[in-house]
N, C-alpha and C. Protein backbone atom coordinates (compact mmCIF):
# COMPACT_ATOMS: atom_id res chain seq x y z
N UNK A 1 54.16 -45.04 -6.56
CA UNK A 1 53.28 -44.90 -7.59
C UNK A 1 54.16 -44.37 -8.92
N UNK A 2 55.26 -43.79 -8.71
CA UNK A 2 55.91 -43.04 -9.80
C UNK A 2 56.93 -44.28 -10.45
N UNK A 3 56.79 -45.56 -10.08
CA UNK A 3 58.01 -46.32 -10.71
C UNK A 3 59.32 -46.24 -9.93
N UNK A 4 60.18 -45.97 -10.55
CA UNK A 4 61.52 -45.88 -10.11
C UNK A 4 62.25 -44.65 -9.96
N UNK A 5 61.19 -43.66 -10.07
CA UNK A 5 61.94 -42.13 -10.28
C UNK A 5 61.71 -41.63 -8.95
N UNK A 6 62.96 -41.11 -8.22
CA UNK A 6 63.07 -40.74 -7.01
C UNK A 6 62.00 -39.30 -6.84
N UNK A 7 61.45 -39.08 -5.76
CA UNK A 7 60.40 -37.88 -5.62
C UNK A 7 60.89 -36.75 -6.04
N UNK A 8 62.31 -36.28 -5.52
CA UNK A 8 62.46 -35.01 -5.79
C UNK A 8 62.69 -35.00 -7.39
N UNK A 9 63.43 -36.01 -7.91
CA UNK A 9 63.57 -35.72 -9.50
C UNK A 9 61.86 -35.60 -10.25
N UNK A 10 61.26 -36.49 -9.79
CA UNK A 10 59.84 -36.42 -10.25
C UNK A 10 59.09 -35.17 -10.25
N UNK A 11 59.23 -34.74 -9.14
CA UNK A 11 58.44 -33.33 -8.72
C UNK A 11 59.30 -32.32 -9.64
N UNK A 12 60.69 -32.26 -9.70
CA UNK A 12 61.19 -31.37 -10.48
C UNK A 12 61.05 -31.31 -11.96
N UNK A 13 60.70 -32.59 -12.61
CA UNK A 13 61.01 -32.68 -13.89
C UNK A 13 59.35 -32.35 -14.03
N UNK A 14 58.24 -32.60 -13.19
CA UNK A 14 56.82 -32.06 -13.70
C UNK A 14 56.99 -30.56 -13.43
N UNK A 15 57.70 -30.06 -12.45
CA UNK A 15 57.42 -28.52 -12.15
C UNK A 15 58.16 -27.89 -13.61
N UNK A 16 59.29 -28.39 -14.11
CA UNK A 16 59.77 -28.01 -15.01
C UNK A 16 58.99 -27.73 -16.58
N UNK A 17 58.31 -28.69 -16.55
CA UNK A 17 57.05 -28.30 -17.64
C UNK A 17 56.03 -27.19 -17.53
N UNK A 18 55.62 -27.10 -16.18
CA UNK A 18 54.87 -26.18 -15.76
C UNK A 18 55.50 -24.97 -16.06
N UNK A 19 56.80 -24.71 -15.64
CA UNK A 19 57.67 -23.37 -15.53
C UNK A 19 57.97 -23.13 -17.09
N UNK A 20 58.16 -23.95 -18.02
CA UNK A 20 58.56 -23.55 -19.48
C UNK A 20 57.41 -23.29 -20.10
N UNK A 21 56.24 -23.35 -19.70
CA UNK A 21 54.84 -22.95 -20.13
C UNK A 21 54.31 -24.04 -21.22
N UNK A 22 55.35 -24.93 -21.42
CA UNK A 22 54.55 -26.11 -22.35
C UNK A 22 53.77 -27.03 -21.53
N UNK A 23 52.66 -27.42 -22.20
CA UNK A 23 51.76 -28.27 -21.85
C UNK A 23 52.26 -29.61 -21.15
N UNK A 24 51.88 -29.92 -20.16
CA UNK A 24 52.20 -31.45 -19.53
C UNK A 24 50.93 -32.40 -19.68
N UNK A 25 51.47 -33.23 -20.36
CA UNK A 25 50.53 -34.56 -20.33
C UNK A 25 50.76 -35.60 -19.53
N UNK A 26 51.77 -35.61 -18.44
CA UNK A 26 52.11 -36.77 -17.87
C UNK A 26 51.04 -37.15 -16.88
N UNK A 27 50.08 -36.57 -16.67
CA UNK A 27 48.76 -36.93 -15.91
C UNK A 27 48.20 -38.26 -16.86
N UNK A 28 48.63 -38.09 -17.89
CA UNK A 28 48.14 -39.47 -18.93
C UNK A 28 48.65 -40.78 -18.61
N UNK A 29 49.68 -40.58 -17.93
CA UNK A 29 50.60 -41.88 -17.75
C UNK A 29 50.54 -42.35 -16.14
N UNK A 30 49.77 -43.57 -16.19
CA UNK A 30 49.50 -44.21 -14.99
C UNK A 30 50.30 -45.40 -14.54
N UNK A 31 50.34 -45.84 -13.33
CA UNK A 31 51.00 -46.76 -12.71
C UNK A 31 50.19 -47.87 -12.00
N UNK A 32 49.81 -48.91 -12.07
CA UNK A 32 49.15 -49.98 -11.46
C UNK A 32 49.83 -51.16 -11.25
N UNK A 33 50.25 -51.70 -9.94
CA UNK A 33 50.98 -52.90 -9.77
C UNK A 33 50.25 -54.07 -10.19
N UNK A 34 48.98 -53.96 -10.22
CA UNK A 34 48.13 -55.37 -10.69
C UNK A 34 48.14 -55.17 -12.53
N UNK A 35 48.82 -54.42 -13.09
CA UNK A 35 48.32 -54.18 -14.38
C UNK A 35 49.80 -53.89 -14.93
N UNK A 36 50.13 -55.11 -16.14
CA UNK A 36 51.22 -54.78 -16.85
C UNK A 36 52.44 -54.77 -16.09
N UNK A 37 52.40 -55.56 -14.83
CA UNK A 37 53.57 -55.54 -13.86
C UNK A 37 54.13 -54.17 -13.26
N UNK A 38 53.19 -53.22 -13.42
CA UNK A 38 53.38 -51.89 -12.65
C UNK A 38 54.31 -50.73 -13.61
N UNK A 39 54.28 -51.46 -14.84
CA UNK A 39 54.97 -50.51 -15.82
C UNK A 39 53.98 -49.49 -16.08
N UNK A 40 54.62 -48.39 -16.66
CA UNK A 40 53.87 -47.23 -16.89
C UNK A 40 52.91 -47.35 -18.27
N UNK A 41 51.46 -47.05 -17.92
CA UNK A 41 50.63 -47.23 -19.19
C UNK A 41 49.71 -46.09 -19.59
N UNK A 42 49.04 -45.90 -20.23
CA UNK A 42 48.24 -44.97 -20.68
C UNK A 42 47.07 -44.80 -20.20
N UNK A 43 46.61 -44.03 -19.39
CA UNK A 43 45.24 -43.60 -18.92
C UNK A 43 44.52 -44.99 -18.46
N UNK A 44 45.24 -45.60 -17.76
CA UNK A 44 44.87 -47.02 -16.86
C UNK A 44 44.33 -47.95 -17.98
N UNK A 45 44.77 -47.81 -19.25
CA UNK A 45 44.68 -48.77 -20.15
C UNK A 45 45.82 -49.76 -20.30
N UNK A 46 45.70 -51.09 -20.66
CA UNK A 46 46.84 -51.99 -20.86
C UNK A 46 47.79 -51.63 -22.07
N UNK A 47 47.72 -50.34 -22.36
CA UNK A 47 48.88 -49.90 -23.58
C UNK A 47 49.96 -49.46 -22.86
N UNK A 48 50.97 -49.84 -22.87
CA UNK A 48 52.20 -49.50 -22.33
C UNK A 48 52.90 -48.38 -22.95
N UNK A 49 53.57 -47.41 -22.17
CA UNK A 49 54.39 -46.19 -22.90
C UNK A 49 55.53 -46.94 -23.74
N UNK A 50 55.99 -47.86 -23.17
CA UNK A 50 57.19 -48.54 -23.84
C UNK A 50 56.67 -48.95 -25.24
N UNK A 51 55.57 -49.54 -25.26
CA UNK A 51 55.18 -50.02 -26.72
C UNK A 51 54.83 -48.82 -27.69
N UNK A 52 54.27 -47.65 -27.06
CA UNK A 52 54.20 -46.64 -28.02
C UNK A 52 55.50 -46.06 -28.33
N UNK A 53 56.47 -45.93 -27.42
CA UNK A 53 57.67 -45.58 -27.86
C UNK A 53 58.33 -46.47 -28.88
N UNK A 54 58.30 -47.65 -28.62
CA UNK A 54 58.86 -48.53 -29.72
C UNK A 54 58.36 -48.35 -30.88
N UNK A 55 57.14 -48.10 -31.17
CA UNK A 55 56.42 -47.88 -32.58
C UNK A 55 57.09 -46.56 -33.10
N UNK A 56 56.99 -45.62 -32.46
CA UNK A 56 57.65 -44.30 -32.85
C UNK A 56 59.03 -44.56 -33.16
N UNK A 57 59.92 -45.24 -32.33
CA UNK A 57 61.23 -45.46 -32.74
C UNK A 57 61.54 -46.15 -33.94
N UNK A 58 60.55 -47.16 -34.13
CA UNK A 58 60.52 -47.81 -35.54
C UNK A 58 60.01 -47.20 -36.77
N UNK A 59 59.63 -46.01 -36.56
CA UNK A 59 59.33 -45.09 -37.64
C UNK A 59 57.71 -45.23 -38.02
N UNK A 60 56.90 -45.68 -37.26
CA UNK A 60 55.44 -45.75 -37.35
C UNK A 60 54.88 -44.50 -37.27
N UNK A 61 54.37 -44.00 -38.11
CA UNK A 61 53.91 -42.62 -38.09
C UNK A 61 52.50 -42.58 -37.05
N UNK A 62 52.65 -41.49 -36.49
CA UNK A 62 51.38 -41.45 -35.26
C UNK A 62 50.19 -41.81 -35.94
N UNK A 63 49.88 -41.17 -37.04
CA UNK A 63 48.36 -41.52 -37.59
C UNK A 63 48.13 -43.11 -37.53
N UNK A 64 49.17 -43.74 -38.01
CA UNK A 64 48.94 -45.48 -38.09
C UNK A 64 48.89 -45.87 -36.71
N UNK A 65 49.41 -45.20 -35.73
CA UNK A 65 49.57 -45.80 -34.40
C UNK A 65 48.11 -45.42 -33.83
N UNK A 66 47.58 -44.45 -34.03
CA UNK A 66 46.14 -44.01 -33.63
C UNK A 66 45.21 -44.76 -34.38
N UNK A 67 45.35 -45.47 -35.46
CA UNK A 67 44.52 -46.19 -36.27
C UNK A 67 44.71 -47.40 -35.65
N UNK A 68 45.68 -48.02 -35.34
CA UNK A 68 45.78 -49.53 -34.78
C UNK A 68 45.25 -49.36 -33.39
N UNK A 69 45.21 -48.61 -32.46
CA UNK A 69 45.02 -48.30 -31.33
C UNK A 69 43.82 -47.23 -31.06
N UNK A 70 42.59 -47.64 -31.25
CA UNK A 70 41.67 -46.52 -31.59
C UNK A 70 41.16 -46.01 -30.21
N UNK A 71 41.54 -46.52 -28.88
CA UNK A 71 41.53 -45.96 -27.81
C UNK A 71 42.53 -44.89 -27.55
N UNK A 72 43.53 -44.89 -28.12
CA UNK A 72 44.70 -43.73 -28.03
C UNK A 72 44.08 -42.53 -28.46
N UNK A 73 44.69 -41.42 -28.07
CA UNK A 73 44.38 -39.98 -28.43
C UNK A 73 45.78 -39.41 -28.80
N UNK A 74 45.99 -38.46 -29.75
CA UNK A 74 47.33 -37.98 -29.83
C UNK A 74 47.91 -37.43 -28.47
N UNK A 75 46.99 -37.05 -27.70
CA UNK A 75 47.78 -36.61 -26.47
C UNK A 75 48.42 -37.68 -25.92
N UNK A 76 48.05 -38.67 -25.91
CA UNK A 76 48.66 -40.08 -25.25
C UNK A 76 50.03 -40.00 -25.68
N UNK A 77 50.26 -40.05 -27.15
CA UNK A 77 51.64 -40.14 -27.67
C UNK A 77 52.40 -38.94 -27.42
N UNK A 78 51.96 -38.08 -26.96
CA UNK A 78 52.77 -36.74 -26.48
C UNK A 78 53.19 -37.04 -25.17
N UNK A 79 52.25 -37.69 -24.41
CA UNK A 79 52.57 -37.90 -22.91
C UNK A 79 53.76 -38.91 -22.83
N UNK A 80 53.52 -39.87 -23.73
CA UNK A 80 54.56 -40.83 -23.91
C UNK A 80 56.11 -40.14 -24.19
N UNK A 81 56.11 -39.31 -24.90
CA UNK A 81 57.27 -38.54 -25.31
C UNK A 81 57.73 -37.79 -24.16
N UNK A 82 56.85 -37.07 -23.27
CA UNK A 82 57.15 -36.30 -22.35
C UNK A 82 57.75 -37.11 -21.28
N UNK A 83 57.10 -38.40 -20.86
CA UNK A 83 57.74 -39.45 -19.99
C UNK A 83 58.96 -39.72 -20.24
N UNK A 84 59.16 -40.11 -21.59
CA UNK A 84 60.40 -40.62 -21.79
C UNK A 84 61.53 -39.49 -21.69
N UNK A 85 61.23 -38.44 -22.21
CA UNK A 85 62.01 -37.08 -21.63
C UNK A 85 62.53 -36.75 -20.16
N UNK A 86 61.18 -36.98 -19.38
CA UNK A 86 61.40 -36.68 -18.05
C UNK A 86 62.51 -38.05 -17.42
N UNK A 87 62.49 -39.00 -18.03
CA UNK A 87 63.21 -40.32 -17.54
C UNK A 87 64.59 -39.99 -17.75
N UNK A 88 64.99 -39.58 -19.05
CA UNK A 88 66.30 -39.29 -19.65
C UNK A 88 66.97 -38.12 -18.91
N UNK A 89 66.12 -37.09 -18.49
CA UNK A 89 66.36 -35.71 -17.93
C UNK A 89 66.69 -35.87 -16.48
N UNK A 90 67.44 -36.41 -15.72
CA UNK A 90 67.69 -36.49 -14.42
C UNK A 90 69.22 -36.51 -13.86
N UNK A 91 69.51 -36.00 -12.85
CA UNK A 91 70.91 -35.73 -12.51
C UNK A 91 71.41 -37.27 -12.08
N UNK A 92 72.79 -37.43 -12.45
CA UNK A 92 73.20 -38.79 -11.95
C UNK A 92 74.23 -38.32 -11.00
N UNK A 93 74.21 -38.93 -9.67
CA UNK A 93 74.81 -38.62 -8.54
C UNK A 93 75.89 -39.37 -8.42
N UNK A 94 77.18 -39.08 -8.28
CA UNK A 94 78.25 -39.66 -8.13
C UNK A 94 78.97 -39.44 -6.80
N UNK A 95 79.65 -40.51 -6.17
CA UNK A 95 80.34 -40.09 -4.97
C UNK A 95 81.37 -39.32 -5.34
N UNK A 96 81.75 -38.31 -4.37
CA UNK A 96 82.99 -37.35 -4.40
C UNK A 96 84.08 -37.97 -4.37
């Protein structure tokens, strides 16, 4: 259900959010093998995390994204950013 994130890294990244005291929106990210090829989506909708991240990377303001996708909430956009941060923040294990 976590995509390609190893269990120990997934749990560590989720616990880091709780430890730092910042709010975790990661429960808004869902995975369904029968929807969008199992890619991470927002709250079970067919709005992929990567689509929201691509819009943000292209400089589209959050307000405009929310207007274009009326089912999205501001917390969903933060969840996408937290998910991307968790994906980028993992140890790379190399053979000794």
